[in-house]
């Protein structure tokens, strides 16, 4: 049951999952707008708002977390042209696990063997 909840409400999304969920959200949006004349208006508005909230908090925000950007970048989604640029950045930026740590993050704890011929002072 936990895997289902994690699948529907992810905490992090990688590039492919972000892309596929975005395409699926676009297909559902197309379906909602094509049914807008036949659906009762209050139900239509509730479904559009629910899809928008899901898209923001469970598609865009997990991708922002995955690349270790601040959650405040979610506000850029409300700016008409900037949201397209943010979507492209989120699609092509590498996950944080593949990038080097920033200055405020601890370096990875790996041990490297000493180079041959190295002179150590005591």
PDB file of N, CA and C in Angstrom:
ATOM      1  N   UNK A   1       0.821  -1.190   0.000  1.00  0.00           N
ATOM      2  CA  UNK A   1       0.000   0.000   0.000  1.00  0.00           C
ATOM      3  C   UNK A   1       0.867   1.256   0.000  1.00  0.00           C
ATOM      4  N   UNK A   2       2.017   1.170   0.672  1.00  0.00           N
ATOM      5  CA  UNK A   2       2.897   2.331   0.740  1.00  0.00           C
ATOM      6  C   UNK A   2       3.444   2.713  -0.635  1.00  0.00           C
ATOM      7  N   UNK A   3       3.725   1.721  -1.488  1.00  0.00           N
ATOM      8  CA  UNK A   3       4.246   2.001  -2.822  1.00  0.00           C
ATOM      9  C   UNK A   3       3.213   2.735  -3.660  1.00  0.00           C
ATOM     10  N   UNK A   4       1.923   2.433  -3.447  1.00  0.00           N
ATOM     11  CA  UNK A   4       0.870   3.110  -4.196  1.00  0.00           C
ATOM     12  C   UNK A   4       0.784   4.583  -3.798  1.00  0.00           C
ATOM     13  N   UNK A   5       0.871   4.838  -2.512  1.00  0.00           N
ATOM     14  CA  UNK A   5       0.841   6.219  -2.035  1.00  0.00           C
ATOM     15  C   UNK A   5       2.066   6.978  -2.538  1.00  0.00           C
ATOM     16  N   UNK A   6       3.230   6.343  -2.516  1.00  0.00           N
ATOM     17  CA  UNK A   6       4.455   6.985  -3.011  1.00  0.00           C
ATOM     18  C   UNK A   6       4.390   7.208  -4.525  1.00  0.00           C
ATOM     19  N   UNK A   7       3.692   6.313  -5.242  1.00  0.00           N
ATOM     20  CA  UNK A   7       3.548   6.483  -6.687  1.00  0.00           C
ATOM     21  C   UNK A   7       2.609   7.646  -7.013  1.00  0.00           C
ATOM     22  N   UNK A   8       1.517   7.775  -6.278  1.00  0.00           N
ATOM     23  CA  UNK A   8       0.549   8.835  -6.556  1.00  0.00           C
ATOM     24  C   UNK A   8       1.038  10.179  -6.016  1.00  0.00           C
ATOM     25  N   UNK A   9       1.630  10.175  -4.834  1.00  0.00           N
ATOM     26  CA  UNK A   9       2.098  11.401  -4.197  1.00  0.00           C
ATOM     27  C   UNK A   9       3.603  11.312  -3.950  1.00  0.00           C
ATOM     28  N   UNK A  10       4.431  11.465  -4.986  1.00  0.00           N
ATOM     29  CA  UNK A  10       5.883  11.281  -4.808  1.00  0.00           C
ATOM     30  C   UNK A  10       6.529  12.449  -4.064  1.00  0.00           C
ATOM     31  N   UNK A  11       7.649  12.156  -3.439  1.00  0.00           N
ATOM     32  CA  UNK A  11       8.430  13.203  -2.777  1.00  0.00           C
ATOM     33  C   UNK A  11       9.502  13.744  -3.705  1.00  0.00           C
ATOM     34  N   UNK A  12       9.990  12.910  -4.604  1.00  0.00           N
ATOM     35  CA  UNK A  12      10.989  13.313  -5.593  1.00  0.00           C
ATOM     36  C   UNK A  12      10.630  12.686  -6.923  1.00  0.00           C
ATOM     37  N   UNK A  13      10.938  13.395  -8.008  1.00  0.00           N
ATOM     38  CA  UNK A  13      10.700  12.884  -9.353  1.00  0.00           C
ATOM     39  C   UNK A  13      11.949  13.102 -10.191  1.00  0.00           C
ATOM     40  N   UNK A  14      12.354  12.084 -10.881  1.00  0.00           N
ATOM     41  CA  UNK A  14      13.463  12.231 -11.810  1.00  0.00           C
ATOM     42  C   UNK A  14      12.943  12.717 -13.157  1.00  0.00           C
ATOM     43  N   UNK A  15      13.827  12.955 -14.096  1.00  0.00           N
ATOM     44  CA  UNK A  15      13.459  13.581 -15.364  1.00  0.00           C
ATOM     45  C   UNK A  15      12.395  12.817 -16.134  1.00  0.00           C
ATOM     46  N   UNK A  16      12.566  11.522 -16.286  1.00  0.00           N
ATOM     47  CA  UNK A  16      11.622  10.743 -17.079  1.00  0.00           C
ATOM     48  C   UNK A  16      10.240  10.706 -16.424  1.00  0.00           C
ATOM     49  N   UNK A  17      10.205  10.494 -15.121  1.00  0.00           N
ATOM     50  CA  UNK A  17       8.920  10.475 -14.413  1.00  0.00           C
ATOM     51  C   UNK A  17       8.240  11.839 -14.489  1.00  0.00           C
ATOM     52  N   UNK A  18       9.020  12.913 -14.380  1.00  0.00           N
ATOM     53  CA  UNK A  18       8.479  14.267 -14.506  1.00  0.00           C
ATOM     54  C   UNK A  18       7.885  14.470 -15.895  1.00  0.00           C
ATOM     55  N   UNK A  19       8.591  14.039 -16.920  1.00  0.00           N
ATOM     56  CA  UNK A  19       8.120  14.192 -18.293  1.00  0.00           C
ATOM     57  C   UNK A  19       6.845  13.391 -18.524  1.00  0.00           C
ATOM     58  N   UNK A  20       6.831  12.134 -18.097  1.00  0.00           N
ATOM     59  CA  UNK A  20       5.655  11.289 -18.324  1.00  0.00           C
ATOM     60  C   UNK A  20       4.440  11.787 -17.548  1.00  0.00           C
ATOM     61  N   UNK A  21       4.629  12.212 -16.324  1.00  0.00           N
ATOM     62  CA  UNK A  21       3.506  12.748 -15.554  1.00  0.00           C
ATOM     63  C   UNK A  21       3.010  14.059 -16.134  1.00  0.00           C
ATOM     64  N   UNK A  22       3.903  14.858 -16.671  1.00  0.00           N
ATOM     65  CA  UNK A  22       3.475  16.094 -17.331  1.00  0.00           C
ATOM     66  C   UNK A  22       2.652  15.818 -18.582  1.00  0.00           C
ATOM     67  N   UNK A  23       3.072  14.840 -19.373  1.00  0.00           N
ATOM     68  CA  UNK A  23       2.305  14.455 -20.564  1.00  0.00           C
ATOM     69  C   UNK A  23       0.938  13.924 -20.159  1.00  0.00           C
ATOM     70  N   UNK A  24       0.884  13.085 -19.132  1.00  0.00           N
ATOM     71  CA  UNK A  24      -0.388  12.545 -18.669  1.00  0.00           C
ATOM     72  C   UNK A  24      -1.307  13.657 -18.147  1.00  0.00           C
ATOM     73  N   UNK A  25      -0.752  14.622 -17.437  1.00  0.00           N
ATOM     74  CA  UNK A  25      -1.552  15.754 -16.956  1.00  0.00           C
ATOM     75  C   UNK A  25      -2.080  16.580 -18.131  1.00  0.00           C
ATOM     76  N   UNK A  26      -1.287  16.729 -19.186  1.00  0.00           N
ATOM     77  CA  UNK A  26      -1.756  17.446 -20.373  1.00  0.00           C
ATOM     78  C   UNK A  26      -2.885  16.702 -21.077  1.00  0.00           C
ATOM     79  N   UNK A  27      -2.801  15.383 -21.121  1.00  0.00           N
ATOM     80  CA  UNK A  27      -3.870  14.585 -21.737  1.00  0.00           C
ATOM     81  C   UNK A  27      -5.162  14.717 -20.933  1.00  0.00           C
ATOM     82  N   UNK A  28      -5.061  14.654 -19.617  1.00  0.00           N
ATOM     83  CA  UNK A  28      -6.251  14.808 -18.776  1.00  0.00           C
ATOM     84  C   UNK A  28      -6.817  16.220 -18.907  1.00  0.00           C
ATOM     85  N   UNK A  29      -5.959  17.226 -19.001  1.00  0.00           N
ATOM     86  CA  UNK A  29      -6.418  18.595 -19.195  1.00  0.00           C
ATOM     87  C   UNK A  29      -7.153  18.735 -20.522  1.00  0.00           C
ATOM     88  N   UNK A  30      -6.634  18.126 -21.580  1.00  0.00           N
ATOM     89  CA  UNK A  30      -7.314  18.149 -22.873  1.00  0.00           C
ATOM     90  C   UNK A  30      -8.683  17.499 -22.765  1.00  0.00           C
ATOM     91  N   UNK A  31      -8.758  16.362 -22.061  1.00  0.00           N
ATOM     92  CA  UNK A  31     -10.032  15.685 -21.884  1.00  0.00           C
ATOM     93  C   UNK A  31     -11.016  16.563 -21.121  1.00  0.00           C
ATOM     94  N   UNK A  32     -10.554  17.237 -20.062  1.00  0.00           N
ATOM     95  CA  UNK A  32     -11.438  18.104 -19.288  1.00  0.00           C
ATOM     96  C   UNK A  32     -11.952  19.272 -20.120  1.00  0.00           C
ATOM     97  N   UNK A  33     -11.078  19.886 -20.898  1.00  0.00           N
ATOM     98  CA  UNK A  33     -11.513  21.018 -21.708  1.00  0.00           C
ATOM     99  C   UNK A  33     -12.409  20.593 -22.864  1.00  0.00           C
ATOM    100  N   UNK A  34     -12.232  19.383 -23.359  1.00  0.00           N
ATOM    101  CA  UNK A  34     -13.124  18.922 -24.418  1.00  0.00           C
ATOM    102  C   UNK A  34     -14.507  18.579 -23.865  1.00  0.00           C
ATOM    103  N   UNK A  35     -14.580  18.240 -22.593  1.00  0.00           N
ATOM    104  CA  UNK A  35     -15.863  17.938 -21.953  1.00  0.00           C
ATOM    105  C   UNK A  35     -16.465  19.144 -21.247  1.00  0.00           C
ATOM    106  N   UNK A  36     -15.873  20.307 -21.392  1.00  0.00           N
ATOM    107  CA  UNK A  36     -16.331  21.471 -20.635  1.00  0.00           C
ATOM    108  C   UNK A  36     -17.748  21.894 -21.006  1.00  0.00           C
ATOM    109  N   UNK A  37     -18.203  21.611 -22.214  1.00  0.00           N
ATOM    110  CA  UNK A  37     -19.552  22.005 -22.603  1.00  0.00           C
ATOM    111  C   UNK A  37     -20.599  21.006 -22.126  1.00  0.00           C
ATOM    112  N   UNK A  38     -20.200  19.777 -21.867  1.00  0.00           N
ATOM    113  CA  UNK A  38     -21.162  18.761 -21.450  1.00  0.00           C
ATOM    114  C   UNK A  38     -21.187  18.549 -19.943  1.00  0.00           C
ATOM    115  N   UNK A  39     -20.159  18.972 -19.235  1.00  0.00           N
ATOM    116  CA  UNK A  39     -20.123  18.783 -17.781  1.00  0.00           C
ATOM    117  C   UNK A  39     -20.844  19.928 -17.084  1.00  0.00           C
ATOM    118  N   UNK A  40     -21.354  19.637 -15.911  1.00  0.00           N
ATOM    119  CA  UNK A  40     -21.961  20.661 -15.068  1.00  0.00           C
ATOM    120  C   UNK A  40     -20.843  21.606 -14.617  1.00  0.00           C
ATOM    121  N   UNK A  41     -20.997  22.919 -14.766  1.00  0.00           N
ATOM    122  CA  UNK A  41     -19.886  23.854 -14.480  1.00  0.00           C
ATOM    123  C   UNK A  41     -19.232  23.721 -13.115  1.00  0.00           C
ATOM    124  N   UNK A  42     -19.957  23.553 -12.006  1.00  0.00           N
ATOM    125  CA  UNK A  42     -19.237  23.413 -10.726  1.00  0.00           C
ATOM    126  C   UNK A  42     -18.334  22.179 -10.688  1.00  0.00           C
ATOM    127  N   UNK A  43     -18.789  21.064 -11.256  1.00  0.00           N
ATOM    128  CA  UNK A  43     -17.952  19.863 -11.280  1.00  0.00           C
ATOM    129  C   UNK A  43     -16.723  20.068 -12.166  1.00  0.00           C
ATOM    130  N   UNK A  44     -16.916  20.787 -13.244  1.00  0.00           N
ATOM    131  CA  UNK A  44     -15.802  21.049 -14.154  1.00  0.00           C
ATOM    132  C   UNK A  44     -14.745  21.891 -13.458  1.00  0.00           C
ATOM    133  N   UNK A  45     -15.176  22.953 -12.757  1.00  0.00           N
ATOM    134  CA  UNK A  45     -14.216  23.813 -12.077  1.00  0.00           C
ATOM    135  C   UNK A  45     -13.488  23.065 -10.952  1.00  0.00           C
ATOM    136  N   UNK A  46     -14.198  22.234 -10.231  1.00  0.00           N
ATOM    137  CA  UNK A  46     -13.556  21.462  -9.157  1.00  0.00           C
ATOM    138  C   UNK A  46     -12.506  20.530  -9.740  1.00  0.00           C
ATOM    139  N   UNK A  47     -12.813  19.885 -10.865  1.00  0.00           N
ATOM    140  CA  UNK A  47     -11.841  18.966 -11.465  1.00  0.00           C
ATOM    141  C   UNK A  47     -10.630  19.710 -12.017  1.00  0.00           C
ATOM    142  N   UNK A  48     -10.836  20.884 -12.595  1.00  0.00           N
ATOM    143  CA  UNK A  48      -9.709  21.668 -13.110  1.00  0.00           C
ATOM    144  C   UNK A  48      -8.820  22.156 -11.970  1.00  0.00           C
ATOM    145  N   UNK A  49      -9.420  22.619 -10.888  1.00  0.00           N
ATOM    146  CA  UNK A  49      -8.637  23.083  -9.739  1.00  0.00           C
ATOM    147  C   UNK A  49      -7.892  21.916  -9.094  1.00  0.00           C
ATOM    148  N   UNK A  50      -8.546  20.757  -8.977  1.00  0.00           N
ATOM    149  CA  UNK A  50      -7.875  19.583  -8.391  1.00  0.00           C
ATOM    150  C   UNK A  50      -6.691  19.148  -9.252  1.00  0.00           C
ATOM    151  N   UNK A  51      -6.855  19.167 -10.567  1.00  0.00           N
ATOM    152  CA  UNK A  51      -5.746  18.806 -11.453  1.00  0.00           C
ATOM    153  C   UNK A  51      -4.611  19.821 -11.353  1.00  0.00           C
ATOM    154  N   UNK A  52      -4.933  21.089 -11.236  1.00  0.00           N
ATOM    155  CA  UNK A  52      -3.895  22.119 -11.113  1.00  0.00           C
ATOM    156  C   UNK A  52      -3.116  21.973  -9.806  1.00  0.00           C
ATOM    157  N   UNK A  53      -3.826  21.725  -8.720  1.00  0.00           N
ATOM    158  CA  UNK A  53      -3.160  21.554  -7.423  1.00  0.00           C
ATOM    159  C   UNK A  53      -2.287  20.305  -7.445  1.00  0.00           C
ATOM    160  N   UNK A  54      -2.807  19.217  -8.019  1.00  0.00           N
ATOM    161  CA  UNK A  54      -1.998  17.997  -8.118  1.00  0.00           C
ATOM    162  C   UNK A  54      -0.754  18.256  -8.968  1.00  0.00           C
ATOM    163  N   UNK A  55      -0.914  18.962 -10.076  1.00  0.00           N
ATOM    164  CA  UNK A  55       0.226  19.251 -10.936  1.00  0.00           C
ATOM    165  C   UNK A  55       1.287  20.078 -10.243  1.00  0.00           C
ATOM    166  N   UNK A  56       0.863  21.042  -9.462  1.00  0.00           N
ATOM    167  CA  UNK A  56       1.828  21.892  -8.763  1.00  0.00           C
ATOM    168  C   UNK A  56       2.542  21.148  -7.639  1.00  0.00           C
ATOM    169  N   UNK A  57       1.774  20.493  -6.776  1.00  0.00           N
ATOM    170  CA  UNK A  57       2.355  19.929  -5.566  1.00  0.00           C
ATOM    171  C   UNK A  57       2.883  18.506  -5.711  1.00  0.00           C
ATOM    172  N   UNK A  58       2.467  17.788  -6.760  1.00  0.00           N
ATOM    173  CA  UNK A  58       2.911  16.402  -6.880  1.00  0.00           C
ATOM    174  C   UNK A  58       3.593  16.090  -8.209  1.00  0.00           C
ATOM    175  N   UNK A  59       3.773  17.101  -9.050  1.00  0.00           N
ATOM    176  CA  UNK A  59       4.591  16.925 -10.256  1.00  0.00           C
ATOM    177  C   UNK A  59       5.749  17.919 -10.248  1.00  0.00           C
ATOM    178  N   UNK A  60       5.433  19.209 -10.118  1.00  0.00           N
ATOM    179  CA  UNK A  60       6.477  20.239 -10.194  1.00  0.00           C
ATOM    180  C   UNK A  60       7.306  20.297  -8.906  1.00  0.00           C
ATOM    181  N   UNK A  61       6.653  20.322  -7.755  1.00  0.00           N
ATOM    182  CA  UNK A  61       7.395  20.442  -6.495  1.00  0.00           C
ATOM    183  C   UNK A  61       8.325  19.261  -6.226  1.00  0.00           C
ATOM    184  N   UNK A  62       7.926  18.006  -6.471  1.00  0.00           N
ATOM    185  CA  UNK A  62       8.897  16.920  -6.284  1.00  0.00           C
ATOM    186  C   UNK A  62      10.095  17.018  -7.231  1.00  0.00           C
ATOM    187  N   UNK A  63       9.878  17.517  -8.438  1.00  0.00           N
ATOM    188  CA  UNK A  63      11.009  17.686  -9.363  1.00  0.00           C
ATOM    189  C   UNK A  63      11.931  18.796  -8.865  1.00  0.00           C
ATOM    190  N   UNK A  64      11.352  19.863  -8.329  1.00  0.00           N
ATOM    191  CA  UNK A  64      12.169  20.942  -7.758  1.00  0.00           C
ATOM    192  C   UNK A  64      12.995  20.407  -6.592  1.00  0.00           C
ATOM    193  N   UNK A  65      12.395  19.561  -5.766  1.00  0.00           N
ATOM    194  CA  UNK A  65      13.138  18.960  -4.653  1.00  0.00           C
ATOM    195  C   UNK A  65      14.238  18.038  -5.136  1.00  0.00           C
ATOM    196  N   UNK A  66      13.967  17.319  -6.238  1.00  0.00           N
ATOM    197  CA  UNK A  66      14.948  16.361  -6.742  1.00  0.00           C
ATOM    198  C   UNK A  66      16.221  17.050  -7.208  1.00  0.00           C
ATOM    199  N   UNK A  67      16.096  18.257  -7.740  1.00  0.00           N
ATOM    200  CA  UNK A  67      17.300  18.963  -8.185  1.00  0.00           C
ATOM    201  C   UNK A  67      17.788  19.963  -7.144  1.00  0.00           C
ATOM    202  N   UNK A  68      17.224  19.857  -5.941  1.00  0.00           N
ATOM    203  CA  UNK A  68      17.618  20.657  -4.776  1.00  0.00           C
ATOM    204  C   UNK A  68      17.520  22.157  -4.998  1.00  0.00           C
ATOM    205  N   UNK A  69      16.448  22.559  -5.639  1.00  0.00           N
ATOM    206  CA  UNK A  69      16.140  23.986  -5.718  1.00  0.00           C
ATOM    207  C   UNK A  69      15.188  24.297  -4.566  1.00  0.00           C
ATOM    208  N   UNK A  70      15.068  25.563  -4.225  1.00  0.00           N
ATOM    209  CA  UNK A  70      14.163  25.966  -3.162  1.00  0.00           C
ATOM    210  C   UNK A  70      12.714  25.760  -3.596  1.00  0.00           C
ATOM    211  N   UNK A  71      11.868  25.416  -2.657  1.00  0.00           N
ATOM    212  CA  UNK A  71      10.458  25.230  -2.949  1.00  0.00           C
ATOM    213  C   UNK A  71       9.760  26.507  -3.382  1.00  0.00           C
ATOM    214  N   UNK A  72      10.371  27.638  -3.119  1.00  0.00           N
ATOM    215  CA  UNK A  72       9.796  28.914  -3.529  1.00  0.00           C
ATOM    216  C   UNK A  72       9.775  29.067  -5.049  1.00  0.00           C
ATOM    217  N   UNK A  73      10.563  28.276  -5.756  1.00  0.00           N
ATOM    218  CA  UNK A  73      10.556  28.329  -7.216  1.00  0.00           C
ATOM    219  C   UNK A  73       9.204  27.888  -7.772  1.00  0.00           C
ATOM    220  N   UNK A  74       8.394  27.266  -6.956  1.00  0.00           N
ATOM    221  CA  UNK A  74       7.055  26.859  -7.367  1.00  0.00           C
ATOM    222  C   UNK A  74       6.206  28.072  -7.745  1.00  0.00           C
ATOM    223  N   UNK A  75       6.487  29.218  -7.154  1.00  0.00           N
ATOM    224  CA  UNK A  75       5.735  30.437  -7.464  1.00  0.00           C
ATOM    225  C   UNK A  75       5.952  30.900  -8.899  1.00  0.00           C
ATOM    226  N   UNK A  76       7.050  30.485  -9.511  1.00  0.00           N
ATOM    227  CA  UNK A  76       7.320  30.869 -10.897  1.00  0.00           C
ATOM    228  C   UNK A  76       6.277  30.262 -11.836  1.00  0.00           C
ATOM    229  N   UNK A  77       5.630  29.200 -11.415  1.00  0.00           N
ATOM    230  CA  UNK A  77       4.598  28.564 -12.241  1.00  0.00           C
ATOM    231  C   UNK A  77       3.416  29.488 -12.501  1.00  0.00           C
ATOM    232  N   UNK A  78       3.242  30.527 -11.719  1.00  0.00           N
ATOM    233  CA  UNK A  78       2.129  31.439 -11.887  1.00  0.00           C
ATOM    234  C   UNK A  78       2.460  32.605 -12.816  1.00  0.00           C
ATOM    235  N   UNK A  79       3.690  32.708 -13.276  1.00  0.00           N
ATOM    236  CA  UNK A  79       4.103  33.756 -14.206  1.00  0.00           C
ATOM    237  C   UNK A  79       4.025  33.172 -15.613  1.00  0.00           C
ATOM    238  N   UNK A  80       3.254  33.793 -16.524  1.00  0.00           N
ATOM    239  CA  UNK A  80       2.938  33.166 -17.813  1.00  0.00           C
ATOM    240  C   UNK A  80       4.105  32.661 -18.654  1.00  0.00           C
ATOM    241  N   UNK A  81       5.117  33.413 -18.915  1.00  0.00           N
ATOM    242  CA  UNK A  81       6.198  32.941 -19.783  1.00  0.00           C
ATOM    243  C   UNK A  81       7.284  32.234 -18.968  1.00  0.00           C
ATOM    244  N   UNK A  82       7.468  32.660 -17.752  1.00  0.00           N
ATOM    245  CA  UNK A  82       8.521  32.079 -16.915  1.00  0.00           C
ATOM    246  C   UNK A  82       8.222  30.627 -16.563  1.00  0.00           C
ATOM    247  N   UNK A  83       6.951  30.231 -16.536  1.00  0.00           N
ATOM    248  CA  UNK A  83       6.643  28.843 -16.207  1.00  0.00           C
ATOM    249  C   UNK A  83       7.106  27.890 -17.306  1.00  0.00           C
ATOM    250  N   UNK A  84       7.120  28.347 -18.542  1.00  0.00           N
ATOM    251  CA  UNK A  84       7.631  27.513 -19.633  1.00  0.00           C
ATOM    252  C   UNK A  84       9.142  27.323 -19.480  1.00  0.00           C
ATOM    253  N   UNK A  85       9.839  28.393 -19.161  1.00  0.00           N
ATOM    254  CA  UNK A  85      11.290  28.316 -18.961  1.00  0.00           C
ATOM    255  C   UNK A  85      11.605  27.419 -17.768  1.00  0.00           C
ATOM    256  N   UNK A  86      10.833  27.552 -16.682  1.00  0.00           N
ATOM    257  CA  UNK A  86      11.046  26.690 -15.511  1.00  0.00           C
ATOM    258  C   UNK A  86      10.802  25.231 -15.873  1.00  0.00           C
ATOM    259  N   UNK A  87       9.779  24.950 -16.660  1.00  0.00           N
ATOM    260  CA  UNK A  87       9.503  23.578 -17.070  1.00  0.00           C
ATOM    261  C   UNK A  87      10.642  22.978 -17.872  1.00  0.00           C
ATOM    262  N   UNK A  88      11.250  23.771 -18.746  1.00  0.00           N
ATOM    263  CA  UNK A  88      12.393  23.294 -19.532  1.00  0.00           C
ATOM    264  C   UNK A  88      13.603  23.056 -18.631  1.00  0.00           C
ATOM    265  N   UNK A  89      13.817  23.956 -17.685  1.00  0.00           N
ATOM    266  CA  UNK A  89      14.933  23.780 -16.745  1.00  0.00           C
ATOM    267  C   UNK A  89      14.728  22.517 -15.919  1.00  0.00           C
ATOM    268  N   UNK A  90      13.509  22.302 -15.439  1.00  0.00           N
ATOM    269  CA  UNK A  90      13.227  21.115 -14.626  1.00  0.00           C
ATOM    270  C   UNK A  90      13.369  19.840 -15.435  1.00  0.00           C
ATOM    271  N   UNK A  91      13.083  19.909 -16.722  1.00  0.00           N
ATOM    272  CA  UNK A  91      13.174  18.718 -17.554  1.00  0.00           C
ATOM    273  C   UNK A  91      14.617  18.321 -17.842  1.00  0.00           C
ATOM    274  N   UNK A  92      15.483  19.293 -18.059  1.00  0.00           N
ATOM    275  CA  UNK A  92      16.837  18.978 -18.498  1.00  0.00           C
ATOM    276  C   UNK A  92      17.905  19.069 -17.419  1.00  0.00           C
ATOM    277  N   UNK A  93      17.612  19.588 -16.252  1.00  0.00           N
ATOM    278  CA  UNK A  93      18.623  19.687 -15.207  1.00  0.00           C
ATOM    279  C   UNK A  93      18.828  18.327 -14.546  1.00  0.00           C
ATOM    280  N   UNK A  94      20.065  17.985 -14.300  1.00  0.00           N
ATOM    281  CA  UNK A  94      20.403  16.682 -13.707  1.00  0.00           C
ATOM    282  C   UNK A  94      19.958  16.630 -12.256  1.00  0.00           C
ATOM    283  N   UNK A  95      19.603  15.445 -11.773  1.00  0.00           N
ATOM    284  CA  UNK A  95      19.236  15.310 -10.359  1.00  0.00           C
ATOM    285  C   UNK A  95      20.399  15.689  -9.457  1.00  0.00           C
ATOM    286  N   UNK A  96      20.084  16.028  -8.232  1.00  0.00           N
ATOM    287  CA  UNK A  96      21.106  16.477  -7.290  1.00  0.00           C
ATOM    288  C   UNK A  96      22.082  15.368  -6.942  1.00  0.00           C
ATOM    289  N   UNK A  97      21.690  14.129  -7.080  1.00  0.00           N
ATOM    290  CA  UNK A  97      22.600  13.031  -6.754  1.00  0.00           C
ATOM    291  C   UNK A  97      23.750  12.933  -7.745  1.00  0.00           C
ATOM    292  N   UNK A  98      23.574  13.480  -8.941  1.00  0.00           N
ATOM    293  CA  UNK A  98      24.616  13.418  -9.951  1.00  0.00           C
ATOM    294  C   UNK A  98      25.519  14.643  -9.959  1.00  0.00           C
ATOM    295  N   UNK A  99      25.158  15.679  -9.243  1.00  0.00           N
ATOM    296  CA  UNK A  99      25.941  16.904  -9.219  1.00  0.00           C
ATOM    297  C   UNK A  99      26.807  16.951  -7.972  1.00  0.00           C
ATOM    298  N   UNK A 100      27.813  17.798  -7.997  1.00  0.00           N
ATOM    299  CA  UNK A 100      28.697  17.923  -6.842  1.00  0.00           C
ATOM    300  C   UNK A 100      28.001  18.731  -5.754  1.00  0.00           C
ATOM    301  N   UNK A 101      28.355  18.492  -4.486  1.00  0.00           N
ATOM    302  CA  UNK A 101      27.700  19.213  -3.391  1.00  0.00           C
ATOM    303  C   UNK A 101      28.077  20.685  -3.392  1.00  0.00           C
ATOM    304  N   UNK A 102      27.153  21.495  -2.896  1.00  0.00           N
ATOM    305  CA  UNK A 102      27.377  22.927  -2.808  1.00  0.00           C
ATOM    306  C   UNK A 102      28.271  23.271  -1.640  1.00  0.00           C
ATOM    307  N   UNK A 103      28.557  24.567  -1.448  1.00  0.00           N
ATOM    308  CA  UNK A 103      29.467  24.967  -0.374  1.00  0.00           C
ATOM    309  C   UNK A 103      28.896  24.719   1.021  1.00  0.00           C
ATOM    310  N   UNK A 104      27.559  24.700   1.162  1.00  0.00           N
ATOM    311  CA  UNK A 104      26.978  24.502   2.481  1.00  0.00           C
ATOM    312  C   UNK A 104      26.671  23.034   2.779  1.00  0.00           C
ATOM    313  N   UNK A 105      26.960  22.149   1.850  1.00  0.00           N
ATOM    314  CA  UNK A 105      26.695  20.736   2.036  1.00  0.00           C
ATOM    315  C   UNK A 105      27.976  19.993   2.371  1.00  0.00           C
ATOM    316  N   UNK A 106      27.832  18.923   3.115  1.00  0.00           N
ATOM    317  CA  UNK A 106      28.998  18.126   3.505  1.00  0.00           C
ATOM    318  C   UNK A 106      29.490  17.324   2.300  1.00  0.00           C
ATOM    319  N   UNK A 107      30.793  17.214   2.140  1.00  0.00           N
ATOM    320  CA  UNK A 107      31.311  16.413   1.031  1.00  0.00           C
ATOM    321  C   UNK A 107      31.023  14.939   1.266  1.00  0.00           C
ATOM    322  N   UNK A 108      30.953  14.159   0.208  1.00  0.00           N
ATOM    323  CA  UNK A 108      30.705  12.728   0.394  1.00  0.00           C
ATOM    324  C   UNK A 108      31.858  12.080   1.155  1.00  0.00           C
ATOM    325  N   UNK A 109      31.516  11.090   1.944  1.00  0.00           N
ATOM    326  CA  UNK A 109      32.523  10.420   2.765  1.00  0.00           C
ATOM    327  C   UNK A 109      33.059   9.208   2.017  1.00  0.00           C
ATOM    328  N   UNK A 110      34.050   9.439   1.209  1.00  0.00           N
ATOM    329  CA  UNK A 110      34.724   8.352   0.504  1.00  0.00           C
ATOM    330  C   UNK A 110      36.195   8.427   0.852  1.00  0.00           C
ATOM    331  N   UNK A 111      36.792   7.286   0.933  1.00  0.00           N
ATOM    332  CA  UNK A 111      38.220   7.247   1.213  1.00  0.00           C
ATOM    333  C   UNK A 111      38.953   6.926  -0.076  1.00  0.00           C
ATOM    334  N   UNK A 112      39.991   7.664  -0.312  1.00  0.00           N
ATOM    335  CA  UNK A 112      40.801   7.414  -1.502  1.00  0.00           C
ATOM    336  C   UNK A 112      42.172   6.944  -1.042  1.00  0.00           C
ATOM    337  N   UNK A 113      42.724   5.964  -1.710  1.00  0.00           N
ATOM    338  CA  UNK A 113      44.053   5.500  -1.321  1.00  0.00           C
ATOM    339  C   UNK A 113      45.098   6.567  -1.658  1.00  0.00           C
ATOM    340  N   UNK A 114      46.160   6.620  -0.878  1.00  0.00           N
ATOM    341  CA  UNK A 114      47.205   7.614  -1.164  1.00  0.00           C
ATOM    342  C   UNK A 114      47.905   7.290  -2.489  1.00  0.00           C
ATOM    343  N   UNK A 115      48.340   8.336  -3.161  1.00  0.00           N
ATOM    344  CA  UNK A 115      49.051   8.149  -4.418  1.00  0.00           C
ATOM    345  C   UNK A 115      50.445   7.603  -4.127  1.00  0.00           C
ATOM    346  N   UNK A 116      50.941   6.842  -5.046  1.00  0.00           N
ATOM    347  CA  UNK A 116      52.281   6.286  -4.839  1.00  0.00           C
ATOM    348  C   UNK A 116      53.307   7.416  -4.965  1.00  0.00           C
ATOM    349  N   UNK A 117      54.276   7.385  -4.106  1.00  0.00           N
ATOM    350  CA  UNK A 117      55.329   8.379  -4.139  1.00  0.00           C
ATOM    351  C   UNK A 117      54.970   9.662  -3.406  1.00  0.00           C
ATOM    352  N   UNK A 118      53.843   9.687  -2.736  1.00  0.00           N
ATOM    353  CA  UNK A 118      53.444  10.893  -2.022  1.00  0.00           C
ATOM    354  C   UNK A 118      54.250  11.010  -0.747  1.00  0.00           C
ATOM    355  N   UNK A 119      54.657  12.223  -0.418  1.00  0.00           N
ATOM    356  CA  UNK A 119      55.454  12.472   0.769  1.00  0.00           C
ATOM    357  C   UNK A 119      54.541  13.127   1.802  1.00  0.00           C
ATOM    358  N   UNK A 120      54.471  12.549   2.986  1.00  0.00           N
ATOM    359  CA  UNK A 120      53.640  13.073   4.040  1.00  0.00           C
ATOM    360  C   UNK A 120      54.518  13.649   5.142  1.00  0.00           C
ATOM    361  N   UNK A 121      54.144  14.824   5.600  1.00  0.00           N
ATOM    362  CA  UNK A 121      54.864  15.444   6.710  1.00  0.00           C
ATOM    363  C   UNK A 121      54.202  15.042   8.008  1.00  0.00           C
ATOM    364  N   UNK A 122      55.013  14.817   9.032  1.00  0.00           N
ATOM    365  CA  UNK A 122      54.458  14.444  10.325  1.00  0.00           C
ATOM    366  C   UNK A 122      54.721  15.484  11.362  1.00  0.00           C
TER     367      UNK A 122
END
